[in-house]
Amino acid sequence: QVQFVESGGGLVQPGGSLRLSCTASTGISSIDLIAWARQAPGKQREFIARASKYGSTLYIESVKGRFTISRDDANNTLYLQMNNLKPEDTATYYCTEYNSWTNWGQGTQVTVSS
């Protein structure tokens, strides 16, 4: 079963940017949909974006226009470019295979604060 390792989180001021990476333990080219999710303190984990191997993407409304998901199948890596970050984006960010929605890694913490 593929394992994912997230990285790239940190502390950033409102309006700032971060680029998250998610590296898989095996090839991802056969995985149709890979997704990013996040979990804020005291809240349930929520889906935020997904990317298909055919190039299509989907975002939740609150990140549309600010976040960009992309995948590099040759390097088994998923990315999430986050711009114009807001305090409400503060959460631990995870990646996973969308259709299984399981097998979570440690995540990477993103804190947006002045």
C-alpha atoms as a PDB file:
ATOM      1  CA  GLN A   1       0.000   0.000   0.000  1.00  0.00           C
ATOM      2  CA  VAL A   2       1.363   3.378  -0.934  1.00  0.00           C
ATOM      3  CA  GLN A   3       2.570   5.610   1.893  1.00  0.00           C
ATOM      4  CA  PHE A   4       2.646   9.378   1.664  1.00  0.00           C
ATOM      5  CA  VAL A   5       5.025  11.804   3.391  1.00  0.00           C
ATOM      6  CA  GLU A   6       4.041  15.451   3.512  1.00  0.00           C
ATOM      7  CA  SER A   7       6.447  18.367   3.900  1.00  0.00           C
ATOM      8  CA  GLY A   8       6.775  22.085   3.352  1.00  0.00           C
ATOM      9  CA  GLY A   9       4.591  23.460   6.112  1.00  0.00           C
ATOM     10  CA  GLY A  10       5.547  26.282   8.430  1.00  0.00           C
ATOM     11  CA  LEU A  11       4.589  29.608   9.940  1.00  0.00           C
ATOM     12  CA  VAL A  12       3.597  32.316   7.500  1.00  0.00           C
ATOM     13  CA  GLN A  13       1.970  35.720   7.769  1.00  0.00           C
ATOM     14  CA  PRO A  14      -1.468  36.366   6.288  1.00  0.00           C
ATOM     15  CA  GLY A  15      -1.117  36.969   2.586  1.00  0.00           C
ATOM     16  CA  GLY A  16       1.975  34.816   2.375  1.00  0.00           C
ATOM     17  CA  SER A  17       2.657  31.662   0.384  1.00  0.00           C
ATOM     18  CA  LEU A  18       3.789  28.113   0.979  1.00  0.00           C
ATOM     19  CA  ARG A  19       4.372  25.138  -1.267  1.00  0.00           C
ATOM     20  CA  LEU A  20       3.573  21.749   0.202  1.00  0.00           C
ATOM     21  CA  SER A  21       4.991  18.515  -1.141  1.00  0.00           C
ATOM     22  CA  CYS A  22       3.735  14.972  -0.778  1.00  0.00           C
ATOM     23  CA  THR A  23       6.056  12.154  -1.745  1.00  0.00           C
ATOM     24  CA  ALA A  24       4.742   8.637  -2.295  1.00  0.00           C
ATOM     25  CA  SER A  25       6.580   5.454  -1.400  1.00  0.00           C
ATOM     26  CA  THR A  26       5.681   3.879  -4.736  1.00  0.00           C
ATOM     27  CA  GLY A  27       4.695   5.024  -8.183  1.00  0.00           C
ATOM     28  CA  ILE A  28       1.572   7.141  -8.415  1.00  0.00           C
ATOM     29  CA  SER A  29       1.011   7.121 -12.155  1.00  0.00           C
ATOM     30  CA  SER A  30      -1.606   4.391 -11.788  1.00  0.00           C
ATOM     31  CA  ILE A  31      -3.520   6.292  -9.110  1.00  0.00           C
ATOM     32  CA  ASP A  32      -6.396   8.148 -10.712  1.00  0.00           C
ATOM     33  CA  LEU A  33      -7.084  10.729  -8.032  1.00  0.00           C
ATOM     34  CA  ILE A  34      -4.724  12.068  -5.375  1.00  0.00           C
ATOM     35  CA  ALA A  35      -5.967  14.628  -2.924  1.00  0.00           C
ATOM     36  CA  TRP A  36      -4.974  17.120  -0.277  1.00  0.00           C
ATOM     37  CA  ALA A  37      -6.958  17.364   2.936  1.00  0.00           C
ATOM     38  CA  ARG A  38      -6.529  19.397   6.093  1.00  0.00           C
ATOM     39  CA  GLN A  39      -7.565  19.228   9.690  1.00  0.00           C
ATOM     40  CA  ALA A  40      -7.776  22.255  11.926  1.00  0.00           C
ATOM     41  CA  PRO A  41      -7.734  21.897  15.712  1.00  0.00           C
ATOM     42  CA  GLY A  42     -11.102  20.724  16.972  1.00  0.00           C
ATOM     43  CA  LYS A  43     -12.455  20.163  13.478  1.00  0.00           C
ATOM     44  CA  GLN A  44     -12.940  17.201  11.192  1.00  0.00           C
ATOM     45  CA  ARG A  45     -10.537  16.495   8.375  1.00  0.00           C
ATOM     46  CA  GLU A  46     -11.774  18.096   5.196  1.00  0.00           C
ATOM     47  CA  PHE A  47     -11.060  17.580   1.524  1.00  0.00           C
ATOM     48  CA  ILE A  48      -9.579  20.651  -0.155  1.00  0.00           C
ATOM     49  CA  ALA A  49      -8.303  19.654  -3.586  1.00  0.00           C
ATOM     50  CA  ARG A  50      -7.664  16.703  -5.874  1.00  0.00           C
ATOM     51  CA  ALA A  51      -5.789  16.047  -9.089  1.00  0.00           C
ATOM     52  CA  SER A  52      -6.441  13.279 -11.580  1.00  0.00           C
ATOM     53  CA  LYS A  53      -3.800  11.517 -13.636  1.00  0.00           C
ATOM     54  CA  TYR A  54      -5.526  12.929 -16.690  1.00  0.00           C
ATOM     55  CA  GLY A  55      -4.890  16.496 -15.588  1.00  0.00           C
ATOM     56  CA  SER A  56      -8.205  17.601 -14.152  1.00  0.00           C
ATOM     57  CA  THR A  57      -8.392  19.297 -10.777  1.00  0.00           C
ATOM     58  CA  LEU A  58     -11.070  20.109  -8.235  1.00  0.00           C
ATOM     59  CA  TYR A  59     -11.035  22.533  -5.304  1.00  0.00           C
ATOM     60  CA  ILE A  60     -13.326  23.498  -2.497  1.00  0.00           C
ATOM     61  CA  GLU A  61     -14.698  26.975  -2.839  1.00  0.00           C
ATOM     62  CA  SER A  62     -12.721  28.502   0.014  1.00  0.00           C
ATOM     63  CA  VAL A  63      -9.339  27.793  -1.609  1.00  0.00           C
ATOM     64  CA  LYS A  64     -10.287  28.227  -5.259  1.00  0.00           C
ATOM     65  CA  GLY A  65      -8.108  30.858  -6.898  1.00  0.00           C
ATOM     66  CA  ARG A  66      -5.558  30.748  -4.068  1.00  0.00           C
ATOM     67  CA  PHE A  67      -4.369  27.131  -4.031  1.00  0.00           C
ATOM     68  CA  THR A  68      -3.026  25.122  -6.949  1.00  0.00           C
ATOM     69  CA  ILE A  69      -2.672  21.348  -6.880  1.00  0.00           C
ATOM     70  CA  SER A  70      -0.290  19.590  -9.215  1.00  0.00           C
ATOM     71  CA  ARG A  71       1.303  16.191  -9.550  1.00  0.00           C
ATOM     72  CA  ASP A  72       4.630  14.979 -10.871  1.00  0.00           C
ATOM     73  CA  ASP A  73       4.064  11.310 -11.545  1.00  0.00           C
ATOM     74  CA  ALA A  74       7.619  10.777 -12.739  1.00  0.00           C
ATOM     75  CA  ASN A  75       8.857  11.752  -9.284  1.00  0.00           C
ATOM     76  CA  ASN A  76       5.931  10.299  -7.315  1.00  0.00           C
ATOM     77  CA  THR A  77       5.140  13.698  -5.858  1.00  0.00           C
ATOM     78  CA  LEU A  78       2.026  15.791  -5.329  1.00  0.00           C
ATOM     79  CA  TYR A  79       2.233  19.527  -4.685  1.00  0.00           C
ATOM     80  CA  LEU A  80      -0.003  22.198  -3.236  1.00  0.00           C
ATOM     81  CA  GLN A  81       0.939  25.792  -3.967  1.00  0.00           C
ATOM     82  CA  MET A  82      -0.838  28.017  -1.470  1.00  0.00           C
ATOM     83  CA  ASN A  83      -0.991  31.761  -2.049  1.00  0.00           C
ATOM     84  CA  ASN A  84      -2.723  34.577  -0.192  1.00  0.00           C
ATOM     85  CA  LEU A  85      -2.911  32.458   2.918  1.00  0.00           C
ATOM     86  CA  LYS A  86      -5.463  33.331   5.575  1.00  0.00           C
ATOM     87  CA  PRO A  87      -5.588  32.535   9.299  1.00  0.00           C
ATOM     88  CA  GLU A  88      -8.434  30.120   8.610  1.00  0.00           C
ATOM     89  CA  ASP A  89      -6.034  28.044   6.498  1.00  0.00           C
ATOM     90  CA  THR A  90      -4.200  27.083   9.684  1.00  0.00           C
ATOM     91  CA  ALA A  91      -4.304  23.288   9.886  1.00  0.00           C
ATOM     92  CA  THR A  92      -2.351  20.106   9.444  1.00  0.00           C
ATOM     93  CA  TYR A  93      -2.276  19.213   5.765  1.00  0.00           C
ATOM     94  CA  TYR A  94      -2.355  15.654   4.456  1.00  0.00           C
ATOM     95  CA  CYS A  95      -2.352  13.906   1.106  1.00  0.00           C
ATOM     96  CA  THR A  96      -3.913  10.608   0.194  1.00  0.00           C
ATOM     97  CA  GLU A  97      -5.479   8.568  -2.546  1.00  0.00           C
ATOM     98  CA  TYR A  98      -8.880  10.178  -2.968  1.00  0.00           C
ATOM     99  CA  ASN A  99     -10.899   7.031  -3.603  1.00  0.00           C
ATOM    100  CA  SER A 100      -9.609   5.229  -0.527  1.00  0.00           C
ATOM    101  CA  TRP A 101      -9.496   8.261   1.790  1.00  0.00           C
ATOM    102  CA  THR A 102      -7.353   6.354   4.210  1.00  0.00           C
ATOM    103  CA  ASN A 103      -3.749   5.508   4.948  1.00  0.00           C
ATOM    104  CA  TRP A 104      -2.920   8.934   6.344  1.00  0.00           C
ATOM    105  CA  GLY A 105       0.628  10.133   6.911  1.00  0.00           C
ATOM    106  CA  GLN A 106       1.907  12.465   9.622  1.00  0.00           C
ATOM    107  CA  GLY A 107       0.872  15.573   7.758  1.00  0.00           C
ATOM    108  CA  THR A 108       2.600  18.925   7.687  1.00  0.00           C
ATOM    109  CA  GLN A 109       1.563  21.832   9.905  1.00  0.00           C
ATOM    110  CA  VAL A 110       0.633  25.156   8.354  1.00  0.00           C
ATOM    111  CA  THR A 111       0.162  28.121  10.658  1.00  0.00           C
ATOM    112  CA  VAL A 112      -0.995  31.457   9.293  1.00  0.00           C
ATOM    113  CA  SER A 113      -0.564  34.194  11.836  1.00  0.00           C
ATOM    114  CA  SER A 114       0.824  37.679  12.217  1.00  0.00           C
END
